[in-house]
Amino acid sequence: MSASYRIDGMTCQGCARSVTKAIQAVAPAAEVDVDVEAGVVTVTGPADGAQVRGAVEDAGFDFVGPV
């Protein structure tokens, strides 16, 4: 299963690493792909959308919603 989410506030690869680390903390078996320019994160594998949202927001980014 794969889901993509719009995330605001990512400006660099450091942001991408922070978002990836935060999501993998709540969904360790998931693969995370971050497109900083598009502001989109794609999570492939077992991951709960609510947990992804919480992880992204706890990392300091704005979770806009599914793409």
PDB file of N, CA and C in Angstrom:
ATOM      1  N   MET A   1       0.841  -1.188   0.000  1.00  0.00           N
ATOM      2  CA  MET A   1       0.000   0.000   0.000  1.00  0.00           C
ATOM      3  C   MET A   1       0.880   1.243   0.000  1.00  0.00           C
ATOM      4  N   SER A   2       0.437   2.238  -0.718  1.00  0.00           N
ATOM      5  CA  SER A   2       1.190   3.475  -0.840  1.00  0.00           C
ATOM      6  C   SER A   2       0.245   4.662  -0.657  1.00  0.00           C
ATOM      7  N   ALA A   3       0.723   5.690   0.026  1.00  0.00           N
ATOM      8  CA  ALA A   3      -0.064   6.907   0.224  1.00  0.00           C
ATOM      9  C   ALA A   3       0.863   8.110   0.117  1.00  0.00           C
ATOM     10  N   SER A   4       0.363   9.175  -0.520  1.00  0.00           N
ATOM     11  CA  SER A   4       1.147  10.402  -0.661  1.00  0.00           C
ATOM     12  C   SER A   4       0.465  11.529   0.100  1.00  0.00           C
ATOM     13  N   TYR A   5       1.298  12.360   0.711  1.00  0.00           N
ATOM     14  CA  TYR A   5       0.791  13.451   1.534  1.00  0.00           C
ATOM     15  C   TYR A   5       1.494  14.754   1.177  1.00  0.00           C
ATOM     16  N   ARG A   6       0.756  15.845   1.207  1.00  0.00           N
ATOM     17  CA  ARG A   6       1.325  17.174   0.985  1.00  0.00           C
ATOM     18  C   ARG A   6       1.834  17.687   2.328  1.00  0.00           C
ATOM     19  N   ILE A   7       3.100  18.110   2.337  1.00  0.00           N
ATOM     20  CA  ILE A   7       3.743  18.625   3.544  1.00  0.00           C
ATOM     21  C   ILE A   7       4.303  20.009   3.238  1.00  0.00           C
ATOM     22  N   ASP A   8       3.923  20.991   4.018  1.00  0.00           N
ATOM     23  CA  ASP A   8       4.467  22.339   3.850  1.00  0.00           C
ATOM     24  C   ASP A   8       5.608  22.570   4.830  1.00  0.00           C
ATOM     25  N   GLY A   9       6.566  23.397   4.413  1.00  0.00           N
ATOM     26  CA  GLY A   9       7.660  23.773   5.293  1.00  0.00           C
ATOM     27  C   GLY A   9       8.979  23.089   4.990  1.00  0.00           C
ATOM     28  N   MET A  10       8.973  22.151   4.051  1.00  0.00           N
ATOM     29  CA  MET A  10      10.233  21.483   3.692  1.00  0.00           C
ATOM     30  C   MET A  10      10.962  22.346   2.660  1.00  0.00           C
ATOM     31  N   THR A  11      12.222  22.659   2.949  1.00  0.00           N
ATOM     32  CA  THR A  11      12.969  23.537   2.041  1.00  0.00           C
ATOM     33  C   THR A  11      14.295  22.956   1.571  1.00  0.00           C
ATOM     34  N   CYS A  12      14.723  21.838   2.178  1.00  0.00           N
ATOM     35  CA  CYS A  12      16.046  21.316   1.836  1.00  0.00           C
ATOM     36  C   CYS A  12      16.115  19.815   2.114  1.00  0.00           C
ATOM     37  N   GLN A  13      17.255  19.218   1.795  1.00  0.00           N
ATOM     38  CA  GLN A  13      17.437  17.793   2.043  1.00  0.00           C
ATOM     39  C   GLN A  13      17.506  17.483   3.541  1.00  0.00           C
ATOM     40  N   GLY A  14      17.912  18.439   4.329  1.00  0.00           N
ATOM     41  CA  GLY A  14      17.881  18.252   5.781  1.00  0.00           C
ATOM     42  C   GLY A  14      16.447  18.085   6.274  1.00  0.00           C
ATOM     43  N   CYS A  15      15.540  18.867   5.693  1.00  0.00           N
ATOM     44  CA  CYS A  15      14.116  18.732   6.015  1.00  0.00           C
ATOM     45  C   CYS A  15      13.622  17.351   5.608  1.00  0.00           C
ATOM     46  N   ALA A  16      14.038  16.908   4.427  1.00  0.00           N
ATOM     47  CA  ALA A  16      13.630  15.594   3.928  1.00  0.00           C
ATOM     48  C   ALA A  16      14.099  14.495   4.879  1.00  0.00           C
ATOM     49  N   ARG A  17      15.320  14.611   5.375  1.00  0.00           N
ATOM     50  CA  ARG A  17      15.837  13.616   6.317  1.00  0.00           C
ATOM     51  C   ARG A  17      15.044  13.646   7.629  1.00  0.00           C
ATOM     52  N   SER A  18      14.701  14.835   8.090  1.00  0.00           N
ATOM     53  CA  SER A  18      13.930  14.955   9.334  1.00  0.00           C
ATOM     54  C   SER A  18      12.555  14.317   9.199  1.00  0.00           C
ATOM     55  N   VAL A  19      11.888  14.583   8.082  1.00  0.00           N
ATOM     56  CA  VAL A  19      10.563  14.013   7.845  1.00  0.00           C
ATOM     57  C   VAL A  19      10.662  12.496   7.712  1.00  0.00           C
ATOM     58  N   THR A  20      11.650  12.028   6.978  1.00  0.00           N
ATOM     59  CA  THR A  20      11.840  10.581   6.805  1.00  0.00           C
ATOM     60  C   THR A  20      12.067   9.908   8.155  1.00  0.00           C
ATOM     61  N   LYS A  21      12.944  10.458   8.951  1.00  0.00           N
ATOM     62  CA  LYS A  21      13.259   9.887  10.265  1.00  0.00           C
ATOM     63  C   LYS A  21      12.016   9.863  11.164  1.00  0.00           C
ATOM     64  N   ALA A  22      11.244  10.940  11.131  1.00  0.00           N
ATOM     65  CA  ALA A  22      10.037  11.026  11.962  1.00  0.00           C
ATOM     66  C   ALA A  22       9.013   9.968  11.550  1.00  0.00           C
ATOM     67  N   ILE A  23       8.810   9.810  10.248  1.00  0.00           N
ATOM     68  CA  ILE A  23       7.833   8.822   9.776  1.00  0.00           C
ATOM     69  C   ILE A  23       8.316   7.409  10.071  1.00  0.00           C
ATOM     70  N   GLN A  24       9.585   7.150   9.850  1.00  0.00           N
ATOM     71  CA  GLN A  24      10.111   5.804  10.101  1.00  0.00           C
ATOM     72  C   GLN A  24      10.104   5.455  11.590  1.00  0.00           C
ATOM     73  N   ALA A  25      10.055   6.449  12.446  1.00  0.00           N
ATOM     74  CA  ALA A  25       9.966   6.181  13.884  1.00  0.00           C
ATOM     75  C   ALA A  25       8.608   5.584  14.243  1.00  0.00           C
ATOM     76  N   VAL A  26       7.549   5.978  13.523  1.00  0.00           N
ATOM     77  CA  VAL A  26       6.210   5.450  13.805  1.00  0.00           C
ATOM     78  C   VAL A  26       5.824   4.314  12.862  1.00  0.00           C
ATOM     79  N   ALA A  27       6.544   4.183  11.748  1.00  0.00           N
ATOM     80  CA  ALA A  27       6.275   3.125  10.767  1.00  0.00           C
ATOM     81  C   ALA A  27       7.604   2.574  10.265  1.00  0.00           C
ATOM     82  N   PRO A  28       8.309   1.816  11.104  1.00  0.00           N
ATOM     83  CA  PRO A  28       9.668   1.376  10.763  1.00  0.00           C
ATOM     84  C   PRO A  28       9.763   0.486   9.528  1.00  0.00           C
ATOM     85  N   ALA A  29       8.690  -0.187   9.157  1.00  0.00           N
ATOM     86  CA  ALA A  29       8.733  -1.076   7.991  1.00  0.00           C
ATOM     87  C   ALA A  29       8.383  -0.349   6.694  1.00  0.00           C
ATOM     88  N   ALA A  30       8.014   0.909   6.789  1.00  0.00           N
ATOM     89  CA  ALA A  30       7.593   1.668   5.610  1.00  0.00           C
ATOM     90  C   ALA A  30       8.786   2.270   4.874  1.00  0.00           C
ATOM     91  N   GLU A  31       8.631   2.407   3.571  1.00  0.00           N
ATOM     92  CA  GLU A  31       9.610   3.108   2.746  1.00  0.00           C
ATOM     93  C   GLU A  31       9.090   4.533   2.555  1.00  0.00           C
ATOM     94  N   VAL A  32       9.963   5.509   2.768  1.00  0.00           N
ATOM     95  CA  VAL A  32       9.561   6.912   2.685  1.00  0.00           C
ATOM     96  C   VAL A  32      10.328   7.590   1.561  1.00  0.00           C
ATOM     97  N   ASP A  33       9.581   8.239   0.655  1.00  0.00           N
ATOM     98  CA  ASP A  33      10.190   8.982  -0.443  1.00  0.00           C
ATOM     99  C   ASP A  33       9.727  10.427  -0.337  1.00  0.00           C
ATOM    100  N   VAL A  34      10.680  11.353  -0.246  1.00  0.00           N
ATOM    101  CA  VAL A  34      10.359  12.767  -0.069  1.00  0.00           C
ATOM    102  C   VAL A  34      10.752  13.545  -1.320  1.00  0.00           C
ATOM    103  N   ASP A  35       9.801  14.302  -1.860  1.00  0.00           N
ATOM    104  CA  ASP A  35      10.056  15.222  -2.964  1.00  0.00           C
ATOM    105  C   ASP A  35       9.948  16.632  -2.395  1.00  0.00           C
ATOM    106  N   VAL A  36      11.098  17.215  -2.038  1.00  0.00           N
ATOM    107  CA  VAL A  36      11.118  18.520  -1.382  1.00  0.00           C
ATOM    108  C   VAL A  36      10.505  19.595  -2.277  1.00  0.00           C
ATOM    109  N   GLU A  37      10.866  19.606  -3.548  1.00  0.00           N
ATOM    110  CA  GLU A  37      10.367  20.635  -4.461  1.00  0.00           C
ATOM    111  C   GLU A  37       8.851  20.604  -4.596  1.00  0.00           C
ATOM    112  N   ALA A  38       8.274  19.418  -4.656  1.00  0.00           N
ATOM    113  CA  ALA A  38       6.818  19.283  -4.785  1.00  0.00           C
ATOM    114  C   ALA A  38       6.118  19.383  -3.429  1.00  0.00           C
ATOM    115  N   GLY A  39       6.876  19.206  -2.346  1.00  0.00           N
ATOM    116  CA  GLY A  39       6.271  19.214  -1.020  1.00  0.00           C
ATOM    117  C   GLY A  39       5.419  17.987  -0.765  1.00  0.00           C
ATOM    118  N   VAL A  40       5.867  16.846  -1.310  1.00  0.00           N
ATOM    119  CA  VAL A  40       5.093  15.608  -1.206  1.00  0.00           C
ATOM    120  C   VAL A  40       5.946  14.497  -0.601  1.00  0.00           C
ATOM    121  N   VAL A  41       5.327  13.750   0.288  1.00  0.00           N
ATOM    122  CA  VAL A  41       5.944  12.577   0.887  1.00  0.00           C
ATOM    123  C   VAL A  41       5.101  11.369   0.497  1.00  0.00           C
ATOM    124  N   THR A  42       5.761  10.337  -0.019  1.00  0.00           N
ATOM    125  CA  THR A  42       5.072   9.096  -0.347  1.00  0.00           C
ATOM    126  C   THR A  42       5.558   8.015   0.607  1.00  0.00           C
ATOM    127  N   VAL A  43       4.596   7.375   1.262  1.00  0.00           N
ATOM    128  CA  VAL A  43       4.900   6.330   2.228  1.00  0.00           C
ATOM    129  C   VAL A  43       4.378   5.013   1.658  1.00  0.00           C
ATOM    130  N   THR A  44       5.280   4.060   1.477  1.00  0.00           N
ATOM    131  CA  THR A  44       4.922   2.754   0.937  1.00  0.00           C
ATOM    132  C   THR A  44       5.130   1.706   2.014  1.00  0.00           C
ATOM    133  N   GLY A  45       4.090   0.926   2.252  1.00  0.00           N
ATOM    134  CA  GLY A  45       4.161  -0.104   3.270  1.00  0.00           C
ATOM    135  C   GLY A  45       3.198   0.194   4.397  1.00  0.00           C
ATOM    136  N   PRO A  46       3.325  -0.559   5.474  1.00  0.00           N
ATOM    137  CA  PRO A  46       2.387  -0.397   6.588  1.00  0.00           C
ATOM    138  C   PRO A  46       2.623   0.907   7.345  1.00  0.00           C
ATOM    139  N   ALA A  47       1.659   1.813   7.226  1.00  0.00           N
ATOM    140  CA  ALA A  47       1.745   3.087   7.938  1.00  0.00           C
ATOM    141  C   ALA A  47       0.337   3.641   8.123  1.00  0.00           C
ATOM    142  N   ASP A  48       0.033   4.059   9.319  1.00  0.00           N
ATOM    143  CA  ASP A  48      -1.258   4.647   9.636  1.00  0.00           C
ATOM    144  C   ASP A  48      -1.194   6.148   9.347  1.00  0.00           C
ATOM    145  N   GLY A  49      -2.153   6.651   8.575  1.00  0.00           N
ATOM    146  CA  GLY A  49      -2.161   8.064   8.196  1.00  0.00           C
ATOM    147  C   GLY A  49      -2.151   9.015   9.379  1.00  0.00           C
ATOM    148  N   ALA A  50      -2.858   8.660  10.427  1.00  0.00           N
ATOM    149  CA  ALA A  50      -2.895   9.519  11.615  1.00  0.00           C
ATOM    150  C   ALA A  50      -1.532   9.554  12.301  1.00  0.00           C
ATOM    151  N   GLN A  51      -0.847   8.417  12.320  1.00  0.00           N
ATOM    152  CA  GLN A  51       0.487   8.392  12.920  1.00  0.00           C
ATOM    153  C   GLN A  51       1.479   9.174  12.069  1.00  0.00           C
ATOM    154  N   VAL A  52       1.344   9.074  10.751  1.00  0.00           N
ATOM    155  CA  VAL A  52       2.213   9.836   9.852  1.00  0.00           C
ATOM    156  C   VAL A  52       2.000  11.319  10.095  1.00  0.00           C
ATOM    157  N   ARG A  53       0.744  11.729  10.164  1.00  0.00           N
ATOM    158  CA  ARG A  53       0.427  13.141  10.412  1.00  0.00           C
ATOM    159  C   ARG A  53       1.062  13.622  11.718  1.00  0.00           C
ATOM    160  N   GLY A  54       0.891  12.850  12.786  1.00  0.00           N
ATOM    161  CA  GLY A  54       1.451  13.232  14.074  1.00  0.00           C
ATOM    162  C   GLY A  54       2.962  13.332  14.044  1.00  0.00           C
ATOM    163  N   ALA A  55       3.598  12.386  13.366  1.00  0.00           N
ATOM    164  CA  ALA A  55       5.061  12.391  13.278  1.00  0.00           C
ATOM    165  C   ALA A  55       5.561  13.614  12.519  1.00  0.00           C
ATOM    166  N   VAL A  56       4.903  13.926  11.409  1.00  0.00           N
ATOM    167  CA  VAL A  56       5.298  15.082  10.597  1.00  0.00           C
ATOM    168  C   VAL A  56       5.126  16.376  11.392  1.00  0.00           C
ATOM    169  N   GLU A  57       3.996  16.505  12.067  1.00  0.00           N
ATOM    170  CA  GLU A  57       3.742  17.721  12.851  1.00  0.00           C
ATOM    171  C   GLU A  57       4.692  17.827  14.039  1.00  0.00           C
ATOM    172  N   ASP A  58       4.985  16.694  14.687  1.00  0.00           N
ATOM    173  CA  ASP A  58       5.935  16.704  15.808  1.00  0.00           C
ATOM    174  C   ASP A  58       7.338  17.100  15.347  1.00  0.00           C
ATOM    175  N   ALA A  59       7.654  16.823  14.072  1.00  0.00           N
ATOM    176  CA  ALA A  59       8.954  17.192  13.517  1.00  0.00           C
ATOM    177  C   ALA A  59       8.992  18.667  13.111  1.00  0.00           C
ATOM    178  N   GLY A  60       7.859  19.354  13.224  1.00  0.00           N
ATOM    179  CA  GLY A  60       7.836  20.800  12.969  1.00  0.00           C
ATOM    180  C   GLY A  60       7.368  21.208  11.584  1.00  0.00           C
ATOM    181  N   PHE A  61       6.730  20.297  10.863  1.00  0.00           N
ATOM    182  CA  PHE A  61       6.255  20.603   9.517  1.00  0.00           C
ATOM    183  C   PHE A  61       4.735  20.593   9.493  1.00  0.00           C
ATOM    184  N   ASP A  62       4.166  21.243   8.480  1.00  0.00           N
ATOM    185  CA  ASP A  62       2.713  21.322   8.348  1.00  0.00           C
ATOM    186  C   ASP A  62       2.205  20.199   7.458  1.00  0.00           C
ATOM    187  N   PHE A  63       1.403  19.322   8.033  1.00  0.00           N
ATOM    188  CA  PHE A  63       0.776  18.225   7.299  1.00  0.00           C
ATOM    189  C   PHE A  63      -0.488  18.781   6.664  1.00  0.00           C
ATOM    190  N   VAL A  64      -0.512  18.885   5.339  1.00  0.00           N
ATOM    191  CA  VAL A  64      -1.671  19.467   4.648  1.00  0.00           C
ATOM    192  C   VAL A  64      -2.739  18.403   4.426  1.00  0.00           C
ATOM    193  N   GLY A  65      -2.328  17.227   3.977  1.00  0.00           N
ATOM    194  CA  GLY A  65      -3.282  16.141   3.756  1.00  0.00           C
ATOM    195  C   GLY A  65      -2.883  15.259   2.597  1.00  0.00           C
ATOM    196  N   PRO A  66      -3.737  14.275   2.300  1.00  0.00           N
ATOM    197  CA  PRO A  66      -3.449  13.358   1.201  1.00  0.00           C
ATOM    198  C   PRO A  66      -3.408  14.082  -0.132  1.00  0.00           C
ATOM    199  N   VAL A  67      -2.587  13.542  -1.033  1.00  0.00           N
ATOM    200  CA  VAL A  67      -2.500  14.107  -2.386  1.00  0.00           C
ATOM    201  C   VAL A  67      -3.428  13.329  -3.267  1.00  0.00           C
TER     202      VAL A  67
END
